[in-house]
Amino acid sequence: LQMNSLKPEDTAVYYCNTKPSRMAYWGQGTQ
């Protein structure tokens, strides 16, 4: 995920998963 022109409202923990998501696949995320 390339993120440009970031804004303060983009602040979050970001996760990847399949779509639809699978509960067992959630990782720790990245802040």
PDB file of all heavy atoms in Angstrom:
ATOM      1  N   LEU A   1       0.858  -1.178   0.000  1.00  0.00           N
ATOM      2  CA  LEU A   1       0.000   0.000   0.000  1.00  0.00           C
ATOM      3  C   LEU A   1       0.895   1.229   0.000  1.00  0.00           C
ATOM      4  O   LEU A   1       1.559   1.522   1.001  1.00  0.00           O
ATOM      5  CB  LEU A   1      -0.929   0.029   1.217  1.00  0.00           C
ATOM      6  CG  LEU A   1      -1.957   1.162   1.212  1.00  0.00           C
ATOM      7  CD1 LEU A   1      -2.979   0.949   0.095  1.00  0.00           C
ATOM      8  CD2 LEU A   1      -2.667   1.271   2.564  1.00  0.00           C
ATOM      9  N   GLN A   2       0.957   1.891  -1.138  1.00  0.00           N
ATOM     10  CA  GLN A   2       1.706   3.141  -1.244  1.00  0.00           C
ATOM     11  C   GLN A   2       0.794   4.275  -0.820  1.00  0.00           C
ATOM     12  O   GLN A   2      -0.287   4.455  -1.387  1.00  0.00           O
ATOM     13  CB  GLN A   2       2.180   3.356  -2.682  1.00  0.00           C
ATOM     14  CG  GLN A   2       2.921   4.663  -2.900  1.00  0.00           C
ATOM     15  CD  GLN A   2       4.250   4.719  -2.173  1.00  0.00           C
ATOM     16  OE1 GLN A   2       5.003   3.751  -2.170  1.00  0.00           O
ATOM     17  NE2 GLN A   2       4.546   5.856  -1.543  1.00  0.00           N
ATOM     18  N   MET A   3       1.227   5.026   0.184  1.00  0.00           N
ATOM     19  CA  MET A   3       0.400   6.098   0.731  1.00  0.00           C
ATOM     20  C   MET A   3       1.124   7.422   0.539  1.00  0.00           C
ATOM     21  O   MET A   3       2.220   7.617   1.083  1.00  0.00           O
ATOM     22  CB  MET A   3       0.129   5.854   2.219  1.00  0.00           C
ATOM     23  CG  MET A   3      -0.488   4.497   2.518  1.00  0.00           C
ATOM     24  SD  MET A   3      -0.983   4.280   4.236  1.00  0.00           S
ATOM     25  CE  MET A   3       0.613   4.418   5.035  1.00  0.00           C
ATOM     26  N   ASN A   4       0.531   8.294  -0.250  1.00  0.00           N
ATOM     27  CA  ASN A   4       1.095   9.612  -0.519  1.00  0.00           C
ATOM     28  C   ASN A   4       0.181  10.700   0.036  1.00  0.00           C
ATOM     29  O   ASN A   4      -0.983  10.446   0.343  1.00  0.00           O
ATOM     30  CB  ASN A   4       1.281   9.804  -2.027  1.00  0.00           C
ATOM     31  CG  ASN A   4       2.248   8.813  -2.633  1.00  0.00           C
ATOM     32  OD1 ASN A   4       3.189   8.350  -1.993  1.00  0.00           O
ATOM     33  ND2 ASN A   4       1.997   8.456  -3.876  1.00  0.00           N
ATOM     34  N   SER A   5       0.718  11.889   0.148  1.00  0.00           N
ATOM     35  CA  SER A   5      -0.055  13.045   0.631  1.00  0.00           C
ATOM     36  C   SER A   5      -0.797  12.699   1.916  1.00  0.00           C
ATOM     37  O   SER A   5      -2.008  12.954   2.049  1.00  0.00           O
ATOM     38  CB  SER A   5      -1.040  13.506  -0.451  1.00  0.00           C
ATOM     39  OG  SER A   5      -0.363  13.844  -1.643  1.00  0.00           O
ATOM     40  N   LEU A   6      -0.087  12.112   2.833  1.00  0.00           N
ATOM     41  CA  LEU A   6      -0.720  11.650   4.069  1.00  0.00           C
ATOM     42  C   LEU A   6      -1.279  12.809   4.889  1.00  0.00           C
ATOM     43  O   LEU A   6      -0.720  13.921   4.899  1.00  0.00           O
ATOM     44  CB  LEU A   6       0.288  10.848   4.899  1.00  0.00           C
ATOM     45  CG  LEU A   6       0.496   9.418   4.387  1.00  0.00           C
ATOM     46  CD1 LEU A   6       1.784   8.831   4.936  1.00  0.00           C
ATOM     47  CD2 LEU A   6      -0.692   8.545   4.745  1.00  0.00           C
ATOM     48  N   LYS A   7      -2.378  12.517   5.560  1.00  0.00           N
ATOM     49  CA  LYS A   7      -3.073  13.495   6.386  1.00  0.00           C
ATOM     50  C   LYS A   7      -3.140  12.984   7.832  1.00  0.00           C
ATOM     51  O   LYS A   7      -3.115  11.760   8.057  1.00  0.00           O
ATOM     52  CB  LYS A   7      -4.496  13.718   5.865  1.00  0.00           C
ATOM     53  CG  LYS A   7      -4.580  14.151   4.414  1.00  0.00           C
ATOM     54  CD  LYS A   7      -6.024  14.233   3.964  1.00  0.00           C
ATOM     55  CE  LYS A   7      -6.132  14.658   2.511  1.00  0.00           C
ATOM     56  NZ  LYS A   7      -7.549  14.735   2.066  1.00  0.00           N
ATOM     57  N   PRO A   8      -3.280  13.870   8.784  1.00  0.00           N
ATOM     58  CA  PRO A   8      -3.395  13.416  10.181  1.00  0.00           C
ATOM     59  C   PRO A   8      -4.528  12.411  10.384  1.00  0.00           C
ATOM     60  O   PRO A   8      -4.411  11.499  11.212  1.00  0.00           O
ATOM     61  CB  PRO A   8      -3.644  14.709  10.948  1.00  0.00           C
ATOM     62  CG  PRO A   8      -2.940  15.750  10.135  1.00  0.00           C
ATOM     63  CD  PRO A   8      -3.166  15.334   8.704  1.00  0.00           C
ATOM     64  N   GLU A   9      -5.592  12.548   9.619  1.00  0.00           N
ATOM     65  CA  GLU A   9      -6.728  11.613   9.759  1.00  0.00           C
ATOM     66  C   GLU A   9      -6.431  10.227   9.207  1.00  0.00           C
ATOM     67  O   GLU A   9      -7.242   9.313   9.355  1.00  0.00           O
ATOM     68  CB  GLU A   9      -7.987  12.178   9.100  1.00  0.00           C
ATOM     69  CG  GLU A   9      -7.790  12.659   7.680  1.00  0.00           C
ATOM     70  CD  GLU A   9      -7.557  14.164   7.600  1.00  0.00           C
ATOM     71  OE1 GLU A   9      -6.748  14.705   8.411  1.00  0.00           O
ATOM     72  OE2 GLU A   9      -8.162  14.810   6.707  1.00  0.00           O
ATOM     73  N   ASP A  10      -5.278  10.056   8.577  1.00  0.00           N
ATOM     74  CA  ASP A  10      -4.850   8.714   8.149  1.00  0.00           C
ATOM     75  C   ASP A  10      -4.200   7.948   9.285  1.00  0.00           C
ATOM     76  O   ASP A  10      -3.890   6.759   9.140  1.00  0.00           O
ATOM     77  CB  ASP A  10      -3.873   8.813   6.985  1.00  0.00           C
ATOM     78  CG  ASP A  10      -4.489   9.390   5.728  1.00  0.00           C
ATOM     79  OD1 ASP A  10      -5.641   9.020   5.418  1.00  0.00           O
ATOM     80  OD2 ASP A  10      -3.818  10.194   5.053  1.00  0.00           O
ATOM     81  N   THR A  11      -3.974   8.600  10.404  1.00  0.00           N
ATOM     82  CA  THR A  11      -3.361   7.946  11.552  1.00  0.00           C
ATOM     83  C   THR A  11      -4.230   6.784  12.016  1.00  0.00           C
ATOM     84  O   THR A  11      -5.422   6.950  12.291  1.00  0.00           O
ATOM     85  CB  THR A  11      -3.163   8.946  12.700  1.00  0.00           C
ATOM     86  OG1 THR A  11      -2.229   9.944  12.290  1.00  0.00           O
ATOM     87  CG2 THR A  11      -2.643   8.249  13.947  1.00  0.00           C
ATOM     88  N   ALA A  12      -3.630   5.595  12.083  1.00  0.00           N
ATOM     89  CA  ALA A  12      -4.363   4.386  12.446  1.00  0.00           C
ATOM     90  C   ALA A  12      -3.380   3.214  12.466  1.00  0.00           C
ATOM     91  O   ALA A  12      -2.229   3.358  12.054  1.00  0.00           O
ATOM     92  CB  ALA A  12      -5.474   4.104  11.442  1.00  0.00           C
ATOM     93  N   VAL A  13      -3.878   2.077  12.927  1.00  0.00           N
ATOM     94  CA  VAL A  13      -3.150   0.828  12.734  1.00  0.00           C
ATOM     95  C   VAL A  13      -3.681   0.215  11.441  1.00  0.00           C
ATOM     96  O   VAL A  13      -4.901   0.092  11.262  1.00  0.00           O
ATOM     97  CB  VAL A  13      -3.351  -0.145  13.913  1.00  0.00           C
ATOM     98  CG1 VAL A  13      -2.597  -1.447  13.642  1.00  0.00           C
ATOM     99  CG2 VAL A  13      -2.872   0.490  15.208  1.00  0.00           C
ATOM    100  N   TYR A  14      -2.766  -0.152  10.557  1.00  0.00           N
ATOM    101  CA  TYR A  14      -3.129  -0.688   9.260  1.00  0.00           C
ATOM    102  C   TYR A  14      -2.900  -2.204   9.244  1.00  0.00           C
ATOM    103  O   TYR A  14      -1.867  -2.700   9.696  1.00  0.00           O
ATOM    104  CB  TYR A  14      -2.304  -0.019   8.163  1.00  0.00           C
ATOM    105  CG  TYR A  14      -2.783   1.373   7.846  1.00  0.00           C
ATOM    106  CD1 TYR A  14      -2.563   2.420   8.734  1.00  0.00           C
ATOM    107  CD2 TYR A  14      -3.469   1.656   6.665  1.00  0.00           C
ATOM    108  CE1 TYR A  14      -3.020   3.700   8.469  1.00  0.00           C
ATOM    109  CE2 TYR A  14      -3.923   2.940   6.384  1.00  0.00           C
ATOM    110  CZ  TYR A  14      -3.698   3.949   7.294  1.00  0.00           C
ATOM    111  OH  TYR A  14      -4.159   5.223   7.021  1.00  0.00           O
ATOM    112  N   TYR A  15      -3.882  -2.904   8.694  1.00  0.00           N
ATOM    113  CA  TYR A  15      -3.852  -4.359   8.613  1.00  0.00           C
ATOM    114  C   TYR A  15      -4.125  -4.800   7.176  1.00  0.00           C
ATOM    115  O   TYR A  15      -4.829  -4.106   6.433  1.00  0.00           O
ATOM    116  CB  TYR A  15      -4.950  -4.980   9.474  1.00  0.00           C
ATOM    117  CG  TYR A  15      -4.940  -4.605  10.929  1.00  0.00           C
ATOM    118  CD1 TYR A  15      -5.566  -3.447  11.369  1.00  0.00           C
ATOM    119  CD2 TYR A  15      -4.334  -5.434  11.874  1.00  0.00           C
ATOM    120  CE1 TYR A  15      -5.577  -3.114  12.720  1.00  0.00           C
ATOM    121  CE2 TYR A  15      -4.348  -5.108  13.222  1.00  0.00           C
ATOM    122  CZ  TYR A  15      -4.974  -3.945  13.631  1.00  0.00           C
ATOM    123  OH  TYR A  15      -4.991  -3.619  14.964  1.00  0.00           O
ATOM    124  N   CYS A  16      -3.637  -5.954   6.826  1.00  0.00           N
ATOM    125  CA  CYS A  16      -4.042  -6.562   5.564  1.00  0.00           C
ATOM    126  C   CYS A  16      -4.806  -7.843   5.877  1.00  0.00           C
ATOM    127  O   CYS A  16      -4.656  -8.443   6.944  1.00  0.00           O
ATOM    128  CB  CYS A  16      -2.856  -6.842   4.652  1.00  0.00           C
ATOM    129  SG  CYS A  16      -1.725  -8.078   5.267  1.00  0.00           S
ATOM    130  N   ASN A  17      -5.630  -8.235   4.939  1.00  0.00           N
ATOM    131  CA  ASN A  17      -6.405  -9.457   5.078  1.00  0.00           C
ATOM    132  C   ASN A  17      -7.029  -9.751   3.723  1.00  0.00           C
ATOM    133  O   ASN A  17      -6.944  -8.946   2.798  1.00  0.00           O
ATOM    134  CB  ASN A  17      -7.508  -9.294   6.138  1.00  0.00           C
ATOM    135  CG  ASN A  17      -7.943 -10.611   6.764  1.00  0.00           C
ATOM    136  OD1 ASN A  17      -8.114 -11.609   6.061  1.00  0.00           O
ATOM    137  ND2 ASN A  17      -8.093 -10.630   8.075  1.00  0.00           N
ATOM    138  N   THR A  18      -7.644 -10.895   3.607  1.00  0.00           N
ATOM    139  CA  THR A  18      -8.422 -11.177   2.415  1.00  0.00           C
ATOM    140  C   THR A  18      -9.699 -10.343   2.477  1.00  0.00           C
ATOM    141  O   THR A  18     -10.048  -9.754   3.507  1.00  0.00           O
ATOM    142  CB  THR A  18      -8.784 -12.663   2.342  1.00  0.00           C
ATOM    143  OG1 THR A  18      -9.494 -13.029   3.540  1.00  0.00           O
ATOM    144  CG2 THR A  18      -7.539 -13.527   2.215  1.00  0.00           C
ATOM    145  N   LYS A  19     -10.374 -10.279   1.360  1.00  0.00           N
ATOM    146  CA  LYS A  19     -11.673  -9.599   1.312  1.00  0.00           C
ATOM    147  C   LYS A  19     -12.661 -10.565   0.678  1.00  0.00           C
ATOM    148  O   LYS A  19     -12.475 -10.940  -0.467  1.00  0.00           O
ATOM    149  CB  LYS A  19     -11.611  -8.318   0.505  1.00  0.00           C
ATOM    150  CG  LYS A  19     -12.972  -7.618   0.409  1.00  0.00           C
ATOM    151  CD  LYS A  19     -12.913  -6.406  -0.488  1.00  0.00           C
ATOM    152  CE  LYS A  19     -14.266  -5.736  -0.631  1.00  0.00           C
ATOM    153  NZ  LYS A  19     -15.328  -6.612  -1.122  1.00  0.00           N
ATOM    154  N   PRO A  20     -13.709 -11.000   1.436  1.00  0.00           N
ATOM    155  CA  PRO A  20     -13.973 -10.620   2.817  1.00  0.00           C
ATOM    156  C   PRO A  20     -12.890 -11.127   3.761  1.00  0.00           C
ATOM    157  O   PRO A  20     -12.179 -12.086   3.439  1.00  0.00           O
ATOM    158  CB  PRO A  20     -15.321 -11.275   3.111  1.00  0.00           C
ATOM    159  CG  PRO A  20     -15.399 -12.426   2.162  1.00  0.00           C
ATOM    160  CD  PRO A  20     -14.693 -11.973   0.932  1.00  0.00           C
ATOM    161  N   SER A  21     -12.788 -10.481   4.891  1.00  0.00           N
ATOM    162  CA  SER A  21     -11.707 -10.818   5.819  1.00  0.00           C
ATOM    163  C   SER A  21     -11.975 -12.142   6.519  1.00  0.00           C
ATOM    164  O   SER A  21     -13.118 -12.574   6.675  1.00  0.00           O
ATOM    165  CB  SER A  21     -11.548  -9.711   6.863  1.00  0.00           C
ATOM    166  OG  SER A  21     -12.744  -9.553   7.610  1.00  0.00           O
ATOM    167  N   ARG A  22     -10.901 -12.789   6.919  1.00  0.00           N
ATOM    168  CA  ARG A  22     -10.956 -14.032   7.659  1.00  0.00           C
ATOM    169  C   ARG A  22     -10.388 -13.789   9.049  1.00  0.00           C
ATOM    170  O   ARG A  22      -9.255 -13.294   9.175  1.00  0.00           O
ATOM    171  CB  ARG A  22     -10.174 -15.122   6.933  1.00  0.00           C
ATOM    172  CG  ARG A  22     -10.841 -15.578   5.634  1.00  0.00           C
ATOM    173  CD  ARG A  22      -9.905 -16.395   4.767  1.00  0.00           C
ATOM    174  NE  ARG A  22     -10.577 -17.100   3.694  1.00  0.00           N
ATOM    175  CZ  ARG A  22     -10.984 -16.541   2.566  1.00  0.00           C
ATOM    176  NH1 ARG A  22     -10.795 -15.272   2.364  1.00  0.00           N
ATOM    177  NH2 ARG A  22     -11.598 -17.275   1.639  1.00  0.00           N
ATOM    178  N   MET A  23     -11.131 -14.117  10.058  1.00  0.00           N
ATOM    179  CA  MET A  23     -10.732 -13.818  11.425  1.00  0.00           C
ATOM    180  C   MET A  23      -9.336 -14.348  11.740  1.00  0.00           C
ATOM    181  O   MET A  23      -8.526 -13.671  12.387  1.00  0.00           O
ATOM    182  CB  MET A  23     -11.749 -14.411  12.411  1.00  0.00           C
ATOM    183  CG  MET A  23     -11.475 -14.071  13.872  1.00  0.00           C
ATOM    184  SD  MET A  23     -11.610 -12.308  14.211  1.00  0.00           S
ATOM    185  CE  MET A  23     -13.362 -12.096  13.974  1.00  0.00           C
ATOM    186  N   ALA A  24      -9.047 -15.552  11.261  1.00  0.00           N
ATOM    187  CA  ALA A  24      -7.769 -16.181  11.607  1.00  0.00           C
ATOM    188  C   ALA A  24      -6.578 -15.496  10.953  1.00  0.00           C
ATOM    189  O   ALA A  24      -5.434 -15.743  11.339  1.00  0.00           O
ATOM    190  CB  ALA A  24      -7.798 -17.654  11.214  1.00  0.00           C
ATOM    191  N   TYR A  25      -6.811 -14.646   9.985  1.00  0.00           N
ATOM    192  CA  TYR A  25      -5.707 -14.042   9.238  1.00  0.00           C
ATOM    193  C   TYR A  25      -5.270 -12.689   9.797  1.00  0.00           C
ATOM    194  O   TYR A  25      -4.274 -12.143   9.344  1.00  0.00           O
ATOM    195  CB  TYR A  25      -6.079 -13.862   7.772  1.00  0.00           C
ATOM    196  CG  TYR A  25      -6.208 -15.137   6.974  1.00  0.00           C
ATOM    197  CD1 TYR A  25      -6.582 -15.084   5.630  1.00  0.00           C
ATOM    198  CD2 TYR A  25      -5.979 -16.383   7.530  1.00  0.00           C
ATOM    199  CE1 TYR A  25      -6.708 -16.234   4.872  1.00  0.00           C
ATOM    200  CE2 TYR A  25      -6.107 -17.540   6.785  1.00  0.00           C
ATOM    201  CZ  TYR A  25      -6.472 -17.457   5.444  1.00  0.00           C
ATOM    202  OH  TYR A  25      -6.606 -18.598   4.711  1.00  0.00           O
ATOM    203  N   TRP A  26      -6.002 -12.133  10.752  1.00  0.00           N
ATOM    204  CA  TRP A  26      -5.597 -10.820  11.252  1.00  0.00           C
ATOM    205  C   TRP A  26      -4.239 -10.908  11.924  1.00  0.00           C
ATOM    206  O   TRP A  26      -3.985 -11.757  12.762  1.00  0.00           O
ATOM    207  CB  TRP A  26      -6.614 -10.270  12.253  1.00  0.00           C
ATOM    208  CG  TRP A  26      -7.920  -9.872  11.664  1.00  0.00           C
ATOM    209  CD1 TRP A  26      -9.145 -10.419  11.926  1.00  0.00           C
ATOM    210  CD2 TRP A  26      -8.153  -8.835  10.709  1.00  0.00           C
ATOM    211  NE1 TRP A  26     -10.109  -9.798  11.176  1.00  0.00           N
ATOM    212  CE2 TRP A  26      -9.544  -8.817  10.421  1.00  0.00           C
ATOM    213  CE3 TRP A  26      -7.329  -7.913  10.048  1.00  0.00           C
ATOM    214  CZ2 TRP A  26     -10.120  -7.915   9.527  1.00  0.00           C
ATOM    215  CZ3 TRP A  26      -7.897  -7.016   9.157  1.00  0.00           C
ATOM    216  CH2 TRP A  26      -9.284  -7.027   8.907  1.00  0.00           C
ATOM    217  N   GLY A  27      -3.346 -10.001  11.540  1.00  0.00           N
ATOM    218  CA  GLY A  27      -2.028  -9.927  12.140  1.00  0.00           C
ATOM    219  C   GLY A  27      -1.967  -8.819  13.159  1.00  0.00           C
ATOM    220  O   GLY A  27      -2.992  -8.339  13.643  1.00  0.00           O
ATOM    221  N   GLN A  28      -0.741  -8.391  13.475  1.00  0.00           N
ATOM    222  CA  GLN A  28      -0.545  -7.347  14.482  1.00  0.00           C
ATOM    223  C   GLN A  28      -0.768  -5.953  13.926  1.00  0.00           C
ATOM    224  O   GLN A  28      -0.982  -5.008  14.681  1.00  0.00           O
ATOM    225  CB  GLN A  28       0.869  -7.448  15.049  1.00  0.00           C
ATOM    226  CG  GLN A  28       1.123  -8.732  15.816  1.00  0.00           C
ATOM    227  CD  GLN A  28       0.199  -8.882  16.994  1.00  0.00           C
ATOM    228  OE1 GLN A  28       0.065  -7.984  17.808  1.00  0.00           O
ATOM    229  NE2 GLN A  28      -0.476 -10.033  17.077  1.00  0.00           N
ATOM    230  N   GLY A  29      -0.705  -5.845  12.620  1.00  0.00           N
ATOM    231  CA  GLY A  29      -0.868  -4.534  12.017  1.00  0.00           C
ATOM    232  C   GLY A  29       0.402  -3.705  12.127  1.00  0.00           C
ATOM    233  O   GLY A  29       1.384  -4.097  12.773  1.00  0.00           O
ATOM    234  N   THR A  30       0.379  -2.569  11.480  1.00  0.00           N
ATOM    235  CA  THR A  30       1.506  -1.640  11.543  1.00  0.00           C
ATOM    236  C   THR A  30       0.965  -0.237  11.792  1.00  0.00           C
ATOM    237  O   THR A  30       0.011   0.187  11.145  1.00  0.00           O
ATOM    238  CB  THR A  30       2.362  -1.716  10.268  1.00  0.00           C
ATOM    239  OG1 THR A  30       3.524  -0.892  10.412  1.00  0.00           O
ATOM    240  CG2 THR A  30       1.594  -1.307   9.019  1.00  0.00           C
ATOM    241  N   GLN A  31       1.558   0.452  12.747  1.00  0.00           N
ATOM    242  CA  GLN A  31       1.063   1.765  13.155  1.00  0.00           C
ATOM    243  C   GLN A  31       1.548   2.837  12.191  1.00  0.00           C
ATOM    244  O   GLN A  31       2.737   2.933  11.888  1.00  0.00           O
ATOM    245  CB  GLN A  31       1.552   2.105  14.568  1.00  0.00           C
ATOM    246  CG  GLN A  31       1.206   3.502  15.045  1.00  0.00           C
ATOM    247  CD  GLN A  31      -0.275   3.659  15.327  1.00  0.00           C
ATOM    248  OE1 GLN A  31      -0.875   2.829  15.996  1.00  0.00           O
ATOM    249  NE2 GLN A  31      -0.866   4.760  14.837  1.00  0.00           N
TER     250      GLN A  31
END
